Amino acid sequence: MSSWNNPVQDTVLPSTNPYGNYTVVDTVPENMLHMVHAHWYQFPPMNPLWYGLLGFWMTVMGTLSVAGNFVVIWVFMNTKSLRTPANLLVVNLAISDFFMMLTMTPPLLVNAYWGTWILGAFFCEVYAFLGSFFGCVSIWSMVFITADRYNVIVKGVSAEPLTSGGAMMRIAGTWAFTLAWCLPPFFGWNRYVPEGNMLACGTDYLTETELSRSYLYVYSVWVYLFPLAYIIYSYTFIVKAVAAHEKGMREQAKKMGVKSLRSEESPEDLC
């Protein structure tokens, strides 16, 4: 793990305290200090070993995620029978997750090697934007996947079937309004800044101005609270519908004097 050591972190510090007055911010390039909130000056840097472990973990998880989502996309593109409207929503989620890990993992590995953010202020903002953007797309993709399942399972034959055009409209809308929500920090409504151990950047959740907080409040409701509430609500009724269907099948089987009405049961079980 010695290859992950930051030369600055290897500097000899007072023996009474392994870090002395040294903080996680001290390794941040000068031209980025204006972006770092005062909150982070109270924390010492991590032990160099943790940077190596973090780099190893992200290499494994990033590789698995990129490879796994690529396989989903490749299979969808090369299997005509899978190109259904519902699967369009699923592959949209795979595309979002694929690009999230593809853009998030390499910069984090570079910064873990050096023990701080070294890619500059502009790329810090771009990195945070991409994380927020693809994360939001993934969340809303799951919302529309949930809505489709609710439509099919709960409403059943009375539901209006999802069309390819409808699925594409939902996908386009997801990317469009996500872009609209993630651009404001570039123009003063909140901002993208270094955070934590200065290895990554994200939305500024520490500045306590009304303008900055208002973005967090609205964004949290639109990107987290509402999707979470909708998904919980929908799956509650989905589970109830499946349970009711199962109960109905058992009662019908009992009336007919058979063990099960499931098509996969063997003929002997139906005697």
Protein backbone atom coordinates (compact mmCIF):
# COMPACT_ATOMS: atom_id res chain seq x y z
CA MET A 1 0.00 0.00 0.00
CA SER A 2 3.00 2.29 0.14
CA SER A 3 2.38 3.42 -3.43
CA TRP A 4 -0.74 5.20 -2.20
CA ASN A 5 1.11 7.37 0.28
CA ASN A 6 0.89 11.10 -0.23
CA PRO A 7 4.43 12.59 -0.03
CA VAL A 8 3.00 15.49 1.95
CA GLN A 9 1.40 13.14 4.46
CA ASP A 10 4.74 11.40 5.01
CA THR A 11 6.21 14.58 6.46
CA VAL A 12 7.41 14.10 10.04
CA LEU A 13 4.96 15.70 12.46
CA PRO A 14 5.16 16.33 16.23
CA SER A 15 5.43 13.06 18.15
CA THR A 16 2.87 14.11 20.73
CA ASN A 17 0.17 13.95 18.08
CA PRO A 18 0.54 11.88 14.90
CA TYR A 19 -1.06 14.74 12.93
CA GLY A 20 -0.28 17.77 15.08
CA ASN A 21 -2.20 20.73 13.67
CA TYR A 22 -2.16 19.11 10.24
CA THR A 23 -5.66 18.93 8.71
CA VAL A 24 -7.21 17.24 5.72
CA VAL A 25 -7.40 20.63 4.01
CA ASP A 26 -3.63 21.29 4.15
CA THR A 27 -3.00 19.16 1.06
CA VAL A 28 -5.63 20.91 -1.06
CA PRO A 29 -4.12 23.09 -3.84
CA GLU A 30 -4.17 26.81 -3.01
CA ASN A 31 -6.36 27.72 -5.95
CA MET A 32 -9.14 25.54 -4.50
CA LEU A 33 -9.10 26.68 -0.87
CA HIS A 34 -11.87 29.21 -1.54
CA MET A 35 -14.18 26.26 -2.25
CA VAL A 36 -13.49 24.41 1.01
CA HIS A 37 -15.88 25.05 3.90
CA ALA A 38 -14.32 25.91 7.28
CA HIS A 39 -16.01 22.80 8.74
CA TRP A 40 -13.35 20.53 7.21
CA TYR A 41 -10.40 22.27 8.88
CA GLN A 42 -11.04 20.41 12.14
CA PHE A 43 -10.31 16.95 10.71
CA PRO A 44 -6.88 15.32 10.36
CA PRO A 45 -6.15 13.36 7.16
CA MET A 46 -6.81 9.65 7.08
CA ASN A 47 -4.06 7.16 7.68
CA PRO A 48 -2.39 6.51 4.27
CA LEU A 49 -3.45 2.86 4.56
CA TRP A 50 -7.11 3.90 4.27
CA TYR A 51 -6.45 5.70 1.00
CA GLY A 52 -5.05 2.48 -0.39
CA LEU A 53 -7.96 0.42 0.88
CA LEU A 54 -10.43 2.93 -0.54
CA GLY A 55 -8.67 2.81 -3.89
CA PHE A 56 -8.77 -0.99 -3.91
CA TRP A 57 -12.46 -1.07 -2.94
CA MET A 58 -13.44 1.45 -5.60
CA THR A 59 -11.44 -0.42 -8.24
CA VAL A 60 -13.36 -3.62 -7.48
CA MET A 61 -16.79 -2.01 -7.21
CA GLY A 62 -16.26 0.31 -10.16
CA THR A 63 -15.13 -2.56 -12.39
CA LEU A 64 -18.08 -4.76 -11.37
CA SER A 65 -20.59 -1.96 -11.88
CA VAL A 66 -19.24 -0.83 -15.24
CA ALA A 67 -18.94 -4.41 -16.52
CA GLY A 68 -22.35 -5.49 -15.18
CA ASN A 69 -24.24 -2.53 -16.61
CA PHE A 70 -22.39 -2.82 -19.91
CA VAL A 71 -23.56 -6.44 -20.21
CA VAL A 72 -27.17 -5.35 -19.60
CA ILE A 73 -26.90 -2.67 -22.30
CA TRP A 74 -25.15 -5.01 -24.75
CA VAL A 75 -27.70 -7.83 -24.28
CA PHE A 76 -30.59 -5.37 -24.72
CA MET A 77 -29.10 -3.92 -27.91
CA ASN A 78 -28.41 -7.34 -29.42
CA THR A 79 -31.58 -9.21 -28.42
CA LYS A 80 -34.61 -8.06 -30.37
CA SER A 81 -37.14 -9.83 -28.16
CA LEU A 82 -35.98 -7.83 -25.13
CA ARG A 83 -36.70 -4.43 -26.69
CA THR A 84 -40.01 -3.95 -24.91
CA PRO A 85 -41.25 -0.62 -23.54
CA ALA A 86 -40.71 -1.76 -19.95
CA ASN A 87 -37.17 -2.87 -20.72
CA LEU A 88 -36.42 0.54 -22.25
CA LEU A 89 -36.82 1.96 -18.75
CA VAL A 90 -34.57 -0.74 -17.29
CA VAL A 91 -31.82 -0.16 -19.84
CA ASN A 92 -32.05 3.57 -19.20
CA LEU A 93 -31.25 2.83 -15.55
CA ALA A 94 -28.32 0.65 -16.65
CA ILE A 95 -26.98 3.42 -18.91
CA SER A 96 -27.16 5.95 -16.09
CA ASP A 97 -25.45 3.65 -13.60
CA PHE A 98 -22.82 2.72 -16.19
CA PHE A 99 -21.83 6.33 -16.85
CA MET A 100 -21.94 7.23 -13.18
CA MET A 101 -19.32 4.65 -12.25
CA LEU A 102 -17.33 5.28 -15.43
CA THR A 103 -17.00 8.99 -14.61
CA MET A 104 -16.81 8.75 -10.81
CA THR A 105 -14.32 5.93 -10.23
CA PRO A 106 -11.18 6.99 -12.19
CA PRO A 107 -10.94 10.51 -10.67
CA LEU A 108 -11.45 9.09 -7.18
CA LEU A 109 -8.63 6.60 -7.74
CA VAL A 110 -6.28 9.36 -8.90
CA ASN A 111 -7.09 11.48 -5.86
CA ALA A 112 -6.80 8.51 -3.49
CA TYR A 113 -3.29 7.96 -4.83
CA TRP A 114 -2.31 11.55 -3.98
CA GLY A 115 -4.40 11.78 -0.83
CA THR A 116 -6.29 14.89 -1.92
CA TRP A 117 -8.16 16.45 -4.84
CA ILE A 118 -5.54 17.35 -7.46
CA LEU A 119 -7.66 17.73 -10.58
CA GLY A 120 -8.44 21.44 -10.20
CA ALA A 121 -11.43 23.57 -9.29
CA PHE A 122 -13.28 23.28 -12.61
CA PHE A 123 -13.08 19.50 -12.77
CA CYS A 124 -14.20 19.37 -9.14
CA GLU A 125 -17.41 21.10 -10.20
CA VAL A 126 -17.79 18.86 -13.24
CA TYR A 127 -17.23 15.74 -11.12
CA ALA A 128 -19.86 16.81 -8.58
CA PHE A 129 -22.29 17.72 -11.37
CA LEU A 130 -21.91 14.31 -13.04
CA GLY A 131 -22.44 12.48 -9.76
CA SER A 132 -25.58 14.48 -9.03
CA PHE A 133 -26.81 14.22 -12.62
CA PHE A 134 -26.46 10.47 -13.10
CA GLY A 135 -27.69 9.81 -9.57
CA CYS A 136 -30.86 11.78 -10.24
CA VAL A 137 -31.42 10.03 -13.58
CA SER A 138 -31.07 6.64 -11.87
CA ILE A 139 -33.52 7.55 -9.12
CA TRP A 140 -36.18 8.78 -11.53
CA SER A 141 -35.63 5.79 -13.80
CA MET A 142 -36.52 3.61 -10.80
CA VAL A 143 -39.61 5.76 -10.21
CA PHE A 144 -40.87 5.13 -13.76
CA ILE A 145 -40.00 1.42 -13.55
CA THR A 146 -42.04 1.27 -10.33
CA ALA A 147 -44.91 3.14 -11.98
CA ASP A 148 -44.96 0.63 -14.84
CA ARG A 149 -45.01 -2.32 -12.45
CA TYR A 150 -47.79 -0.72 -10.43
CA ASN A 151 -49.73 -0.18 -13.65
CA VAL A 152 -49.38 -3.81 -14.73
CA ILE A 153 -49.77 -5.60 -11.40
CA VAL A 154 -52.22 -3.43 -9.47
CA LYS A 155 -54.41 -2.08 -12.27
CA GLY A 156 -54.12 -5.24 -14.37
CA VAL A 157 -56.22 -5.51 -17.52
CA SER A 158 -57.80 -2.11 -16.91
CA ALA A 159 -54.41 -0.40 -17.16
CA GLU A 160 -53.33 1.47 -20.26
CA PRO A 161 -50.29 -0.45 -21.56
CA LEU A 162 -46.96 1.31 -21.78
CA THR A 163 -45.89 1.97 -25.36
CA SER A 164 -42.40 2.45 -26.74
CA GLY A 165 -43.26 6.08 -27.44
CA GLY A 166 -44.46 6.54 -23.87
CA ALA A 167 -41.31 4.95 -22.48
CA MET A 168 -39.08 7.17 -24.64
CA MET A 169 -40.99 10.27 -23.52
CA ARG A 170 -40.43 9.31 -19.87
CA ILE A 171 -36.74 8.69 -20.53
CA ALA A 172 -36.29 11.99 -22.37
CA GLY A 173 -38.16 13.82 -19.61
CA THR A 174 -35.97 12.22 -16.95
CA TRP A 175 -32.74 13.42 -18.59
CA ALA A 176 -34.18 16.87 -19.35
CA PHE A 177 -35.51 17.80 -15.91
CA THR A 178 -32.47 16.22 -14.24
CA LEU A 179 -30.24 18.51 -16.28
CA ALA A 180 -32.40 21.46 -15.28
CA TRP A 181 -32.01 20.60 -11.57
CA CYS A 182 -28.27 19.96 -11.67
CA LEU A 183 -27.17 23.09 -13.56
CA PRO A 184 -28.17 25.79 -10.98
CA PRO A 185 -25.09 25.28 -8.74
CA PHE A 186 -22.96 26.48 -11.66
CA PHE A 187 -24.87 29.75 -11.62
CA GLY A 188 -24.99 30.61 -7.92
CA TRP A 189 -27.93 28.61 -6.56
CA ASN A 190 -25.82 26.47 -4.21
CA ARG A 191 -22.42 25.28 -5.54
CA TYR A 192 -20.26 22.21 -6.11
CA VAL A 193 -17.34 21.90 -3.67
CA PRO A 194 -14.72 19.48 -2.29
CA GLU A 195 -15.97 17.44 0.66
CA GLY A 196 -14.99 14.88 3.26
CA ASN A 197 -11.39 13.79 2.91
CA MET A 198 -11.01 16.03 -0.15
CA LEU A 199 -11.00 13.06 -2.51
CA ALA A 200 -14.35 13.88 -4.09
CA CYS A 201 -16.67 16.81 -4.71
CA GLY A 202 -20.40 17.22 -4.25
CA THR A 203 -23.24 19.63 -3.57
CA ASP A 204 -22.49 22.18 -0.82
CA TYR A 205 -24.60 21.12 2.17
CA LEU A 206 -22.71 23.15 4.80
CA THR A 207 -23.14 26.77 3.72
CA GLU A 208 -26.05 28.14 5.75
CA THR A 209 -27.28 30.98 3.56
CA GLU A 210 -30.97 31.00 2.66
CA LEU A 211 -30.13 30.75 -1.04
CA SER A 212 -27.93 27.71 -0.59
CA ARG A 213 -30.34 25.99 1.78
CA SER A 214 -33.33 26.60 -0.47
CA TYR A 215 -31.69 24.59 -3.25
CA LEU A 216 -31.04 21.69 -0.87
CA TYR A 217 -34.63 21.73 0.39
CA VAL A 218 -36.20 21.72 -3.07
CA TYR A 219 -33.68 19.26 -4.50
CA SER A 220 -34.10 16.87 -1.55
CA VAL A 221 -37.86 16.77 -1.99
CA TRP A 222 -37.77 16.35 -5.75
CA VAL A 223 -34.88 13.89 -6.00
CA TYR A 224 -35.16 11.94 -2.75
CA LEU A 225 -38.26 12.36 -0.61
CA PHE A 226 -40.91 12.26 -3.34
CA PRO A 227 -39.34 9.32 -5.26
CA LEU A 228 -38.88 7.39 -2.00
CA ALA A 229 -42.48 8.02 -0.90
CA TYR A 230 -43.84 7.08 -4.33
CA ILE A 231 -41.82 3.86 -4.51
CA ILE A 232 -42.88 2.82 -0.99
CA TYR A 233 -46.51 3.65 -1.78
CA SER A 234 -46.49 1.73 -5.08
CA TYR A 235 -44.76 -1.38 -3.78
CA THR A 236 -47.12 -1.50 -0.80
CA PHE A 237 -50.03 -1.94 -3.21
CA ILE A 238 -48.00 -4.25 -5.47
CA VAL A 239 -47.31 -6.59 -2.55
CA LYS A 240 -50.98 -6.42 -1.52
CA ALA A 241 -52.10 -7.24 -5.07
CA VAL A 242 -49.73 -10.20 -5.32
CA ALA A 243 -50.83 -11.48 -1.91
CA ALA A 244 -54.50 -11.13 -2.86
CA HIS A 245 -53.89 -12.97 -6.14
CA GLU A 246 -52.11 -15.78 -4.30
CA LYS A 247 -54.95 -16.04 -1.80
CA GLY A 248 -57.51 -16.15 -4.61
CA MET A 249 -55.62 -18.95 -6.34
CA ARG A 250 -55.49 -21.00 -3.16
CA GLU A 251 -59.23 -20.53 -2.52
CA GLN A 252 -60.09 -21.44 -6.11
CA ALA A 253 -57.91 -24.52 -5.93
CA LYS A 254 -59.62 -25.54 -2.70
CA LYS A 255 -63.07 -25.19 -4.26
CA MET A 256 -62.00 -27.32 -7.23
CA GLY A 257 -60.49 -29.96 -4.95
CA VAL A 258 -56.97 -29.60 -6.35
CA LYS A 259 -53.73 -28.76 -4.64
CA SER A 260 -52.81 -25.86 -6.88
CA LEU A 261 -53.88 -23.94 -9.96
CA ARG A 262 -50.30 -23.02 -10.83
CA SER A 263 -49.39 -24.00 -14.37
CA GLU A 264 -45.98 -25.26 -13.30
CA GLU A 265 -47.41 -27.95 -11.02
CA SER A 266 -47.05 -31.51 -12.23
CA PRO A 267 -50.15 -33.43 -13.46
CA GLU A 268 -49.94 -35.74 -10.43
CA ASP A 269 -50.45 -32.75 -8.10
CA LEU A 270 -53.69 -31.86 -9.88
CA CYS A 271 -55.28 -35.28 -9.30
